Amino acid sequence: MEQYPTSAHLTACVIQLACDHGDLGSGMSCLDLGCGTGMLSVAAAFVCDVVIAVDCDTDALAVARE
């Protein structure tokens, strides 16, 4: 599988859009399927109470854990 990094700017835009639409926020949980290195998971953790990040790539998950 190939990994395509998500830029910080794109991550911020996606999280802001989800918050604006009421899809993410305080009291909510987020499931990041195919999280890769966890860029969106980390950003979601700033606005959600629970974030679960999963991926089949163990190397990418090791980076996400860091």
Protein backbone atom coordinates (compact mmCIF):
# COMPACT_ATOMS: atom_id res chain seq x y z
CA MET A 1 0.00 0.00 0.00
CA GLU A 2 1.16 3.49 -0.73
CA GLN A 3 0.97 6.24 1.85
CA TYR A 4 0.18 9.80 0.87
CA PRO A 5 0.92 12.32 3.61
CA THR A 6 -1.76 14.82 4.54
CA SER A 7 -0.41 18.35 4.88
CA ALA A 8 -0.99 20.36 8.03
CA HIS A 9 -2.99 22.93 6.07
CA LEU A 10 -5.30 20.33 4.50
CA THR A 11 -5.73 18.64 7.89
CA ALA A 12 -6.75 21.93 9.52
CA CYS A 13 -9.23 22.63 6.72
CA VAL A 14 -10.82 19.18 6.94
CA ILE A 15 -11.17 19.33 10.73
CA GLN A 16 -12.56 22.88 10.61
CA LEU A 17 -15.10 21.89 7.96
CA ALA A 18 -16.19 18.85 9.99
CA CYS A 19 -16.56 21.03 13.09
CA ASP A 20 -18.52 23.67 11.19
CA HIS A 21 -20.93 20.99 9.94
CA GLY A 22 -21.35 19.52 13.43
CA ASP A 23 -19.65 16.25 12.50
CA LEU A 24 -16.84 16.69 15.06
CA GLY A 25 -16.77 18.40 18.40
CA SER A 26 -16.79 18.17 22.16
CA GLY A 27 -18.53 15.07 23.47
CA MET A 28 -18.04 13.21 20.18
CA SER A 29 -15.94 10.26 19.09
CA CYS A 30 -13.96 9.92 15.88
CA LEU A 31 -12.93 6.76 14.03
CA ASP A 32 -10.08 7.25 11.55
CA LEU A 33 -10.02 4.20 9.27
CA GLY A 34 -6.79 3.96 7.33
CA CYS A 35 -5.18 6.56 9.56
CA GLY A 36 -1.70 6.21 8.10
CA THR A 37 0.68 8.25 10.22
CA GLY A 38 -2.21 9.78 12.17
CA MET A 39 -2.26 13.38 10.99
CA LEU A 40 -6.08 13.58 10.98
CA SER A 41 -6.32 11.54 14.18
CA VAL A 42 -4.09 13.94 16.08
CA ALA A 43 -6.04 16.94 14.81
CA ALA A 44 -9.35 15.29 15.69
CA ALA A 45 -8.07 14.70 19.23
CA PHE A 46 -8.05 18.47 19.74
CA VAL A 47 -11.83 18.68 19.22
CA CYS A 48 -13.21 15.21 20.09
CA ASP A 49 -13.29 13.32 23.37
CA VAL A 50 -12.30 9.95 21.88
CA VAL A 51 -10.30 9.17 18.74
CA ILE A 52 -9.70 5.64 17.47
CA ALA A 53 -7.12 5.32 14.70
CA VAL A 54 -6.64 2.06 12.77
CA ASP A 55 -4.51 1.02 9.83
CA CYS A 56 -3.22 -2.25 8.37
CA ASP A 57 0.27 -0.74 7.88
CA THR A 58 2.20 -1.44 11.08
CA ASP A 59 5.01 0.96 10.11
CA ALA A 60 2.56 3.81 9.66
CA LEU A 61 0.89 2.96 12.98
CA ALA A 62 4.27 3.10 14.72
CA VAL A 63 4.69 6.66 13.44
CA ALA A 64 1.14 7.52 14.51
CA ARG A 65 1.83 6.25 18.03
CA GLU A 66 4.85 8.56 18.34
